[in-house]
């Protein structure tokens, strides 16, 4: 999927899931569900978890290395609500890939 399409899908998905509530603390819920939804449309992703300050954070990565982060805004106004692109500082550092059973 193109970046614009991913942003549009992630925005609608987040809006429907969170019903206007903030994304803080909801990164795994949104990311895991979004990964399943995207896979139904042939968009492969993997789920990643890293640490941002004192908090853990979960996001998706596409095979081409693009980050798909539907709750990036929980780390401040400098981040958009929906981010798709190269890893930002909140996606770097020590991280681990989630393995679904």
N, C-alpha and C. Protein backbone atom coordinates (compact mmCIF):
# COMPACT_ATOMS: atom_id res chain seq x y z
N UNK A 1 0.84 -1.19 0.00
CA UNK A 1 0.00 0.00 0.00
C UNK A 1 0.87 1.24 0.00
N UNK A 2 0.38 2.27 -0.62
CA UNK A 2 1.08 3.54 -0.61
C UNK A 2 0.95 4.19 0.76
N UNK A 3 1.86 5.10 1.04
CA UNK A 3 1.87 5.77 2.34
C UNK A 3 0.56 6.49 2.61
N UNK A 4 0.04 7.21 1.64
CA UNK A 4 -1.23 7.93 1.84
C UNK A 4 -2.37 6.98 2.16
N UNK A 5 -2.39 5.84 1.49
CA UNK A 5 -3.44 4.84 1.76
C UNK A 5 -3.31 4.30 3.18
N UNK A 6 -2.08 4.01 3.59
CA UNK A 6 -1.86 3.50 4.95
C UNK A 6 -2.30 4.51 6.00
N UNK A 7 -1.97 5.78 5.77
CA UNK A 7 -2.37 6.83 6.71
C UNK A 7 -3.89 6.90 6.79
N UNK A 8 -4.54 6.87 5.65
CA UNK A 8 -6.00 6.95 5.62
C UNK A 8 -6.65 5.76 6.34
N UNK A 9 -6.16 4.57 6.04
CA UNK A 9 -6.70 3.37 6.69
C UNK A 9 -6.45 3.42 8.19
N UNK A 10 -5.23 3.76 8.60
CA UNK A 10 -4.89 3.81 10.03
C UNK A 10 -5.70 4.88 10.75
N UNK A 11 -5.93 6.02 10.11
CA UNK A 11 -6.72 7.09 10.72
C UNK A 11 -8.15 6.63 10.97
N UNK A 12 -8.77 6.04 9.96
CA UNK A 12 -10.13 5.54 10.12
C UNK A 12 -10.22 4.42 11.14
N UNK A 13 -9.23 3.56 11.14
CA UNK A 13 -9.20 2.44 12.07
C UNK A 13 -9.08 2.94 13.51
N UNK A 14 -8.15 3.87 13.73
CA UNK A 14 -7.96 4.44 15.07
C UNK A 14 -9.23 5.13 15.54
N UNK A 15 -9.82 5.93 14.66
CA UNK A 15 -11.03 6.66 15.01
C UNK A 15 -12.14 5.69 15.41
N UNK A 16 -12.31 4.63 14.64
CA UNK A 16 -13.35 3.65 14.97
C UNK A 16 -13.08 2.89 16.25
N UNK A 17 -11.82 2.54 16.48
CA UNK A 17 -11.47 1.77 17.68
C UNK A 17 -11.51 2.61 18.95
N UNK A 18 -10.95 3.82 18.88
CA UNK A 18 -10.82 4.64 20.08
C UNK A 18 -11.99 5.59 20.29
N UNK A 19 -12.83 5.75 19.27
CA UNK A 19 -14.02 6.59 19.36
C UNK A 19 -13.71 7.98 19.92
N UNK A 20 -12.63 8.58 19.41
CA UNK A 20 -12.28 9.93 19.82
C UNK A 20 -11.47 10.03 21.11
N UNK A 21 -11.23 8.91 21.76
CA UNK A 21 -10.44 8.92 22.99
C UNK A 21 -8.96 9.02 22.64
N UNK A 22 -8.12 9.52 23.56
CA UNK A 22 -6.69 9.62 23.28
C UNK A 22 -6.05 8.24 23.07
N UNK A 23 -4.94 8.24 22.34
CA UNK A 23 -4.24 7.00 22.05
C UNK A 23 -3.30 6.55 23.15
N UNK A 24 -3.10 7.38 24.18
CA UNK A 24 -2.15 7.06 25.25
C UNK A 24 -2.48 5.72 25.89
N UNK A 25 -1.49 4.84 25.90
CA UNK A 25 -1.65 3.53 26.52
C UNK A 25 -2.42 2.52 25.67
N UNK A 26 -2.78 2.91 24.46
CA UNK A 26 -3.57 2.04 23.59
C UNK A 26 -2.79 1.53 22.39
N UNK A 27 -1.48 1.71 22.39
CA UNK A 27 -0.67 1.39 21.21
C UNK A 27 -0.73 -0.10 20.85
N UNK A 28 -0.70 -1.00 21.81
CA UNK A 28 -0.76 -2.42 21.46
C UNK A 28 -2.14 -2.77 20.91
N UNK A 29 -3.17 -2.29 21.56
CA UNK A 29 -4.54 -2.59 21.13
C UNK A 29 -4.74 -2.15 19.68
N UNK A 30 -4.37 -0.91 19.39
CA UNK A 30 -4.55 -0.37 18.04
C UNK A 30 -3.63 -1.08 17.04
N UNK A 31 -2.38 -1.26 17.39
CA UNK A 31 -1.41 -1.85 16.46
C UNK A 31 -1.74 -3.30 16.14
N UNK A 32 -2.06 -4.10 17.13
CA UNK A 32 -2.35 -5.51 16.88
C UNK A 32 -3.60 -5.67 16.02
N UNK A 33 -4.63 -4.91 16.34
CA UNK A 33 -5.86 -4.99 15.56
C UNK A 33 -5.64 -4.47 14.13
N UNK A 34 -4.88 -3.37 14.00
CA UNK A 34 -4.59 -2.81 12.69
C UNK A 34 -3.77 -3.78 11.84
N UNK A 35 -2.84 -4.50 12.45
CA UNK A 35 -2.04 -5.50 11.73
C UNK A 35 -2.95 -6.56 11.12
N UNK A 36 -3.90 -7.04 11.89
CA UNK A 36 -4.84 -8.04 11.38
C UNK A 36 -5.70 -7.49 10.25
N UNK A 37 -6.17 -6.27 10.41
CA UNK A 37 -6.99 -5.62 9.40
C UNK A 37 -6.21 -5.44 8.10
N UNK A 38 -4.99 -4.93 8.20
CA UNK A 38 -4.17 -4.70 7.01
C UNK A 38 -3.84 -6.01 6.30
N UNK A 39 -3.63 -7.07 7.07
CA UNK A 39 -3.29 -8.35 6.46
C UNK A 39 -4.44 -8.88 5.61
N UNK A 40 -5.67 -8.55 5.97
CA UNK A 40 -6.83 -8.97 5.18
C UNK A 40 -6.81 -8.33 3.79
N UNK A 41 -6.08 -7.22 3.65
CA UNK A 41 -5.97 -6.52 2.37
C UNK A 41 -4.60 -6.75 1.72
N UNK A 42 -3.86 -7.74 2.23
CA UNK A 42 -2.59 -8.11 1.62
C UNK A 42 -1.40 -7.28 2.06
N UNK A 43 -1.58 -6.40 3.05
CA UNK A 43 -0.46 -5.58 3.53
C UNK A 43 0.19 -6.29 4.70
N UNK A 44 1.35 -6.84 4.46
CA UNK A 44 2.11 -7.54 5.50
C UNK A 44 2.73 -6.52 6.46
N UNK A 45 2.68 -6.79 7.74
CA UNK A 45 3.33 -5.95 8.75
C UNK A 45 3.85 -6.85 9.86
N UNK A 46 4.74 -6.31 10.67
CA UNK A 46 5.19 -6.98 11.88
C UNK A 46 4.98 -6.01 13.04
N UNK A 47 4.77 -6.57 14.22
CA UNK A 47 4.51 -5.76 15.42
C UNK A 47 5.80 -5.64 16.21
N UNK A 48 6.14 -4.40 16.58
CA UNK A 48 7.37 -4.13 17.31
C UNK A 48 7.07 -3.40 18.61
N UNK A 49 7.91 -3.63 19.61
CA UNK A 49 7.80 -2.93 20.89
C UNK A 49 9.17 -2.39 21.28
N UNK A 50 9.17 -1.16 21.73
CA UNK A 50 10.39 -0.53 22.21
C UNK A 50 10.08 0.33 23.42
N UNK A 51 11.10 1.00 23.92
CA UNK A 51 10.94 1.85 25.10
C UNK A 51 11.13 3.31 24.71
N UNK A 52 10.23 4.14 25.18
CA UNK A 52 10.31 5.59 24.99
C UNK A 52 10.29 6.19 26.39
N UNK A 53 11.46 6.62 26.87
CA UNK A 53 11.53 7.11 28.25
C UNK A 53 11.17 5.99 29.21
N UNK A 54 10.17 6.23 30.04
CA UNK A 54 9.72 5.23 31.02
C UNK A 54 8.64 4.31 30.47
N UNK A 55 8.17 4.57 29.27
CA UNK A 55 7.02 3.85 28.72
C UNK A 55 7.43 2.88 27.63
N UNK A 56 6.65 1.80 27.51
CA UNK A 56 6.85 0.95 26.34
C UNK A 56 5.94 1.48 25.24
N UNK A 57 6.27 1.17 24.02
CA UNK A 57 5.49 1.62 22.87
C UNK A 57 5.46 0.53 21.83
N UNK A 58 4.32 0.37 21.17
CA UNK A 58 4.13 -0.66 20.16
C UNK A 58 3.70 0.01 18.85
N UNK A 59 4.25 -0.48 17.74
CA UNK A 59 3.93 0.04 16.41
C UNK A 59 4.11 -1.08 15.41
N UNK A 60 3.77 -0.81 14.17
CA UNK A 60 3.92 -1.78 13.08
C UNK A 60 5.07 -1.37 12.17
N UNK A 61 5.63 -2.34 11.49
CA UNK A 61 6.59 -2.06 10.44
C UNK A 61 6.22 -2.88 9.22
N UNK A 62 6.28 -2.23 8.06
CA UNK A 62 6.05 -2.90 6.78
C UNK A 62 7.36 -3.55 6.34
N UNK A 63 7.31 -4.53 5.44
CA UNK A 63 8.54 -5.18 4.98
C UNK A 63 9.56 -4.22 4.38
N UNK A 64 9.10 -3.09 3.84
CA UNK A 64 10.03 -2.12 3.25
C UNK A 64 10.67 -1.19 4.28
N UNK A 65 10.38 -1.42 5.57
CA UNK A 65 10.99 -0.63 6.64
C UNK A 65 10.17 0.55 7.12
N UNK A 66 9.05 0.85 6.44
CA UNK A 66 8.21 1.96 6.90
C UNK A 66 7.55 1.60 8.22
N UNK A 67 7.54 2.56 9.12
CA UNK A 67 6.83 2.44 10.40
C UNK A 67 5.39 2.86 10.17
N UNK A 68 4.47 2.14 10.79
CA UNK A 68 3.06 2.51 10.78
C UNK A 68 2.68 2.65 12.25
N UNK A 69 2.56 3.88 12.71
CA UNK A 69 2.34 4.16 14.13
C UNK A 69 1.04 4.96 14.27
N UNK A 70 0.00 4.31 14.74
CA UNK A 70 -1.31 4.93 14.86
C UNK A 70 -1.55 5.60 16.20
N UNK A 71 -0.51 5.65 17.05
CA UNK A 71 -0.64 6.34 18.35
C UNK A 71 0.61 7.15 18.68
N UNK A 72 1.32 7.61 17.68
CA UNK A 72 2.56 8.36 17.91
C UNK A 72 2.33 9.63 18.73
N UNK A 73 1.16 10.23 18.59
CA UNK A 73 0.88 11.50 19.28
C UNK A 73 0.87 11.39 20.80
N UNK A 74 0.86 10.19 21.33
CA UNK A 74 0.87 10.06 22.79
C UNK A 74 2.20 10.52 23.40
N UNK A 75 3.20 10.75 22.54
CA UNK A 75 4.51 11.19 23.03
C UNK A 75 4.77 12.67 22.79
N UNK A 76 3.72 13.42 22.54
CA UNK A 76 3.86 14.86 22.44
C UNK A 76 3.39 15.42 21.11
N UNK A 77 3.22 16.72 21.11
CA UNK A 77 2.68 17.42 19.95
C UNK A 77 3.59 17.39 18.73
N UNK A 78 4.86 17.08 18.92
CA UNK A 78 5.76 17.06 17.76
C UNK A 78 5.52 15.84 16.88
N UNK A 79 4.72 14.89 17.35
CA UNK A 79 4.40 13.68 16.59
C UNK A 79 2.96 13.74 16.11
N UNK A 80 2.72 13.30 14.86
CA UNK A 80 1.33 13.27 14.37
C UNK A 80 0.56 12.12 15.00
N UNK A 81 -0.75 12.20 14.96
CA UNK A 81 -1.58 11.11 15.49
C UNK A 81 -1.29 9.81 14.74
N UNK A 82 -1.19 9.91 13.43
CA UNK A 82 -0.89 8.75 12.58
C UNK A 82 0.42 9.04 11.85
N UNK A 83 1.39 8.16 12.01
CA UNK A 83 2.67 8.36 11.34
C UNK A 83 2.98 7.13 10.49
N UNK A 84 3.34 7.38 9.24
CA UNK A 84 3.83 6.33 8.35
C UNK A 84 5.07 6.88 7.67
N UNK A 85 6.19 6.19 7.83
CA UNK A 85 7.43 6.63 7.21
C UNK A 85 8.64 5.99 7.85
N UNK A 86 9.79 6.64 7.65
CA UNK A 86 11.04 6.15 8.25
C UNK A 86 10.92 6.20 9.77
N UNK A 87 11.64 5.30 10.47
CA UNK A 87 11.58 5.32 11.93
C UNK A 87 11.96 6.68 12.51
N UNK A 88 11.17 7.13 13.48
CA UNK A 88 11.46 8.35 14.23
C UNK A 88 12.25 7.97 15.48
N UNK A 89 12.64 8.95 16.28
CA UNK A 89 13.39 8.66 17.51
C UNK A 89 12.62 7.73 18.44
N UNK A 90 11.30 7.77 18.44
CA UNK A 90 10.51 6.90 19.32
C UNK A 90 10.48 5.45 18.83
N UNK A 91 10.99 5.19 17.63
CA UNK A 91 11.02 3.84 17.08
C UNK A 91 12.43 3.26 17.02
N UNK A 92 13.38 4.00 17.54
CA UNK A 92 14.78 3.56 17.47
C UNK A 92 15.23 3.06 18.84
N UNK A 93 16.41 2.52 18.88
CA UNK A 93 16.93 2.00 20.13
C UNK A 93 16.57 0.53 20.28
N UNK A 94 16.62 0.07 21.50
CA UNK A 94 16.34 -1.33 21.76
C UNK A 94 14.88 -1.63 21.51
N UNK A 95 14.63 -2.66 20.72
CA UNK A 95 13.26 -3.04 20.41
C UNK A 95 13.20 -4.53 20.17
N UNK A 96 12.00 -5.07 20.22
CA UNK A 96 11.82 -6.49 19.96
C UNK A 96 10.56 -6.69 19.13
N UNK A 97 10.62 -7.72 18.31
CA UNK A 97 9.46 -8.04 17.47
C UNK A 97 8.53 -8.97 18.23
N UNK A 98 7.24 -8.69 18.16
CA UNK A 98 6.23 -9.56 18.77
C UNK A 98 6.01 -10.75 17.86
N UNK A 99 5.88 -11.89 18.46
CA UNK A 99 5.58 -13.12 17.73
C UNK A 99 4.20 -13.59 18.17
N UNK A 100 3.28 -13.63 17.25
CA UNK A 100 1.93 -14.10 17.57
C UNK A 100 1.92 -15.62 17.51
N UNK A 101 1.27 -16.25 18.48
CA UNK A 101 1.22 -17.73 18.47
C UNK A 101 0.44 -18.27 17.30
